[in-house]
Amino acid sequence: MDDTSHTHSQLRIRGARTHNLKNISLDLPRNRLIVITGLSGSGKSSLAFDTLYAEGQRRYVESLSAYARQFLQRMEKPDVDLIVGLSPAISIEQKATSHNPRSTVGTVTEIHDYLR
């Protein structure tokens, strides 16, 4: 199966190497709430923010007129071979809610506030 099939139902990531991601490839369902879990330092934030969000924002900014882009900083492409099926991305916020600075755990209540 080639990397361009199922573009309407899946987000396909191939060869992501941003920060501590080691050339990972995965398929994620579109139009679903996805939770990324793993050990500290395993690349959760690198995948969510530094790869997917960064590429979604970069593509959105590229779609703006040259006049609008002149007021924005140039955005670098994440270190990834291919991302197919990515929609424009927004990031609500990333913050540590515990006293542990490495914790980025979100609760269902916090997520519900943003989905309303």
C-alpha atoms as a PDB file:
ATOM      1  CA  MET A   1       0.000   0.000   0.000  1.00  0.00           C
ATOM      2  CA  ASP A   2       1.472   3.409  -0.879  1.00  0.00           C
ATOM      3  CA  ASP A   3       1.787   6.333   1.545  1.00  0.00           C
ATOM      4  CA  THR A   4      -0.962   8.392  -0.117  1.00  0.00           C
ATOM      5  CA  SER A   5      -3.874   5.970   0.290  1.00  0.00           C
ATOM      6  CA  HIS A   6      -6.475   6.486   3.030  1.00  0.00           C
ATOM      7  CA  THR A   7      -5.731  10.235   3.248  1.00  0.00           C
ATOM      8  CA  HIS A   8      -9.310  10.952   4.278  1.00  0.00           C
ATOM      9  CA  SER A   9      -9.369   8.532   7.204  1.00  0.00           C
ATOM     10  CA  GLN A  10      -5.787   8.577   8.469  1.00  0.00           C
ATOM     11  CA  LEU A  11      -2.969  10.902   9.345  1.00  0.00           C
ATOM     12  CA  ARG A  12       0.208   9.233   8.084  1.00  0.00           C
ATOM     13  CA  ILE A  13       3.591  10.125   9.537  1.00  0.00           C
ATOM     14  CA  ARG A  14       6.753   8.640   8.066  1.00  0.00           C
ATOM     15  CA  GLY A  15      10.312   9.081   9.307  1.00  0.00           C
ATOM     16  CA  ALA A  16       9.802  11.561  12.178  1.00  0.00           C
ATOM     17  CA  ARG A  17      13.143  12.457  13.750  1.00  0.00           C
ATOM     18  CA  THR A  18      12.392  15.674  15.657  1.00  0.00           C
ATOM     19  CA  HIS A  19      14.330  15.846  18.960  1.00  0.00           C
ATOM     20  CA  ASN A  20      14.216  12.394  20.575  1.00  0.00           C
ATOM     21  CA  LEU A  21      12.007  10.728  17.944  1.00  0.00           C
ATOM     22  CA  LYS A  22      14.031   8.040  16.227  1.00  0.00           C
ATOM     23  CA  ASN A  23      12.710   7.766  12.668  1.00  0.00           C
ATOM     24  CA  ILE A  24       9.211   6.696  13.747  1.00  0.00           C
ATOM     25  CA  SER A  25       6.360   6.017  11.348  1.00  0.00           C
ATOM     26  CA  LEU A  26       2.724   5.682  12.364  1.00  0.00           C
ATOM     27  CA  ASP A  27      -0.856   6.061  11.187  1.00  0.00           C
ATOM     28  CA  LEU A  28      -3.375   7.932  13.330  1.00  0.00           C
ATOM     29  CA  PRO A  29      -7.146   8.086  12.778  1.00  0.00           C
ATOM     30  CA  ARG A  30      -8.492  11.463  11.691  1.00  0.00           C
ATOM     31  CA  ASN A  31     -11.415  13.225  13.377  1.00  0.00           C
ATOM     32  CA  ARG A  32     -10.797  11.449  16.674  1.00  0.00           C
ATOM     33  CA  LEU A  33      -9.414  12.535  20.028  1.00  0.00           C
ATOM     34  CA  ILE A  34      -5.976  10.946  20.271  1.00  0.00           C
ATOM     35  CA  VAL A  35      -4.020  10.554  23.494  1.00  0.00           C
ATOM     36  CA  ILE A  36      -0.251  10.185  23.310  1.00  0.00           C
ATOM     37  CA  THR A  37       1.223   8.368  26.302  1.00  0.00           C
ATOM     38  CA  GLY A  38       4.654   7.114  27.224  1.00  0.00           C
ATOM     39  CA  LEU A  39       7.590   7.386  29.549  1.00  0.00           C
ATOM     40  CA  SER A  40       9.260  10.694  30.283  1.00  0.00           C
ATOM     41  CA  GLY A  41      11.601  11.526  27.413  1.00  0.00           C
ATOM     42  CA  SER A  42       9.948   9.114  24.981  1.00  0.00           C
ATOM     43  CA  GLY A  43       8.990  11.831  22.486  1.00  0.00           C
ATOM     44  CA  LYS A  44       5.330  12.562  23.276  1.00  0.00           C
ATOM     45  CA  SER A  45       5.726  16.349  23.122  1.00  0.00           C
ATOM     46  CA  SER A  46       8.154  16.064  20.211  1.00  0.00           C
ATOM     47  CA  LEU A  47       5.494  14.234  18.215  1.00  0.00           C
ATOM     48  CA  ALA A  48       2.514  16.367  19.258  1.00  0.00           C
ATOM     49  CA  PHE A  49       3.994  19.865  19.354  1.00  0.00           C
ATOM     50  CA  ASP A  50       7.322  19.857  17.519  1.00  0.00           C
ATOM     51  CA  THR A  51       6.237  17.654  14.607  1.00  0.00           C
ATOM     52  CA  LEU A  52       2.454  17.626  14.045  1.00  0.00           C
ATOM     53  CA  TYR A  53       1.559  21.078  15.378  1.00  0.00           C
ATOM     54  CA  ALA A  54       4.640  22.713  13.850  1.00  0.00           C
ATOM     55  CA  GLU A  55       3.959  21.237  10.402  1.00  0.00           C
ATOM     56  CA  GLY A  56       0.239  22.094  10.564  1.00  0.00           C
ATOM     57  CA  GLN A  57       1.064  25.702  11.458  1.00  0.00           C
ATOM     58  CA  ARG A  58       3.781  25.902   8.784  1.00  0.00           C
ATOM     59  CA  ARG A  59       1.380  24.694   6.093  1.00  0.00           C
ATOM     60  CA  TYR A  60      -1.289  27.136   7.262  1.00  0.00           C
ATOM     61  CA  VAL A  61       1.127  30.073   7.165  1.00  0.00           C
ATOM     62  CA  GLU A  62       2.277  29.032   3.670  1.00  0.00           C
ATOM     63  CA  SER A  63      -1.353  29.265   2.512  1.00  0.00           C
ATOM     64  CA  LEU A  64      -1.566  32.937   3.519  1.00  0.00           C
ATOM     65  CA  SER A  65      -0.883  35.741   1.086  1.00  0.00           C
ATOM     66  CA  ALA A  66       2.655  37.069   0.718  1.00  0.00           C
ATOM     67  CA  TYR A  67       1.464  40.286   2.349  1.00  0.00           C
ATOM     68  CA  ALA A  68       0.234  38.458   5.469  1.00  0.00           C
ATOM     69  CA  ARG A  69       3.328  36.228   5.646  1.00  0.00           C
ATOM     70  CA  GLN A  70       5.653  39.236   5.774  1.00  0.00           C
ATOM     71  CA  PHE A  71       4.441  39.958   9.319  1.00  0.00           C
ATOM     72  CA  LEU A  72       5.103  36.403  10.548  1.00  0.00           C
ATOM     73  CA  GLN A  73       8.338  34.633  11.331  1.00  0.00           C
ATOM     74  CA  ARG A  74       9.543  31.991   8.917  1.00  0.00           C
ATOM     75  CA  MET A  75       8.715  28.527  10.255  1.00  0.00           C
ATOM     76  CA  GLU A  76      11.156  25.674   9.779  1.00  0.00           C
ATOM     77  CA  LYS A  77       9.952  22.307   8.518  1.00  0.00           C
ATOM     78  CA  PRO A  78      10.117  19.584  11.191  1.00  0.00           C
ATOM     79  CA  ASP A  79      12.582  16.740  10.610  1.00  0.00           C
ATOM     80  CA  VAL A  80      10.132  14.283   9.060  1.00  0.00           C
ATOM     81  CA  ASP A  81      10.048  12.512   5.688  1.00  0.00           C
ATOM     82  CA  LEU A  82       6.292  12.635   5.068  1.00  0.00           C
ATOM     83  CA  ILE A  83       3.074  13.776   6.705  1.00  0.00           C
ATOM     84  CA  VAL A  84      -0.131  13.077   4.763  1.00  0.00           C
ATOM     85  CA  GLY A  85      -3.666  14.000   5.806  1.00  0.00           C
ATOM     86  CA  LEU A  86      -2.709  16.811   8.182  1.00  0.00           C
ATOM     87  CA  SER A  87      -5.283  19.552   8.715  1.00  0.00           C
ATOM     88  CA  PRO A  88      -4.401  23.073   9.892  1.00  0.00           C
ATOM     89  CA  ALA A  89      -3.362  22.762  13.526  1.00  0.00           C
ATOM     90  CA  ILE A  90      -4.039  24.713  16.671  1.00  0.00           C
ATOM     91  CA  SER A  91      -2.451  24.295  20.065  1.00  0.00           C
ATOM     92  CA  ILE A  92      -4.507  25.440  23.012  1.00  0.00           C
ATOM     93  CA  GLU A  93      -1.660  25.428  25.523  1.00  0.00           C
ATOM     94  CA  GLN A  94       0.905  23.190  27.074  1.00  0.00           C
ATOM     95  CA  LYS A  95       1.405  23.675  30.771  1.00  0.00           C
ATOM     96  CA  ALA A  96       2.505  21.690  33.758  1.00  0.00           C
ATOM     97  CA  THR A  97      -0.372  21.319  36.211  1.00  0.00           C
ATOM     98  CA  SER A  98       1.621  19.518  38.869  1.00  0.00           C
ATOM     99  CA  HIS A  99       4.706  20.400  40.840  1.00  0.00           C
ATOM    100  CA  ASN A 100       6.739  18.071  38.657  1.00  0.00           C
ATOM    101  CA  PRO A 101       8.034  20.181  35.723  1.00  0.00           C
ATOM    102  CA  ARG A 102       8.150  17.096  33.482  1.00  0.00           C
ATOM    103  CA  SER A 103       4.454  16.317  33.927  1.00  0.00           C
ATOM    104  CA  THR A 104       2.081  17.371  31.125  1.00  0.00           C
ATOM    105  CA  VAL A 105      -0.852  15.243  32.252  1.00  0.00           C
ATOM    106  CA  GLY A 106      -4.289  16.502  31.268  1.00  0.00           C
ATOM    107  CA  THR A 107      -7.520  15.540  32.981  1.00  0.00           C
ATOM    108  CA  VAL A 108     -10.837  14.810  31.312  1.00  0.00           C
ATOM    109  CA  THR A 109     -12.276  17.901  33.028  1.00  0.00           C
ATOM    110  CA  GLU A 110      -9.577  20.145  31.544  1.00  0.00           C
ATOM    111  CA  ILE A 111     -10.079  18.682  28.081  1.00  0.00           C
ATOM    112  CA  HIS A 112     -13.867  19.079  28.338  1.00  0.00           C
ATOM    113  CA  ASP A 113     -13.431  22.819  29.047  1.00  0.00           C
ATOM    114  CA  TYR A 114     -11.591  23.223  25.727  1.00  0.00           C
ATOM    115  CA  LEU A 115     -14.004  21.088  23.701  1.00  0.00           C
ATOM    116  CA  ARG A 116     -17.094  23.092  24.681  1.00  0.00           C
END
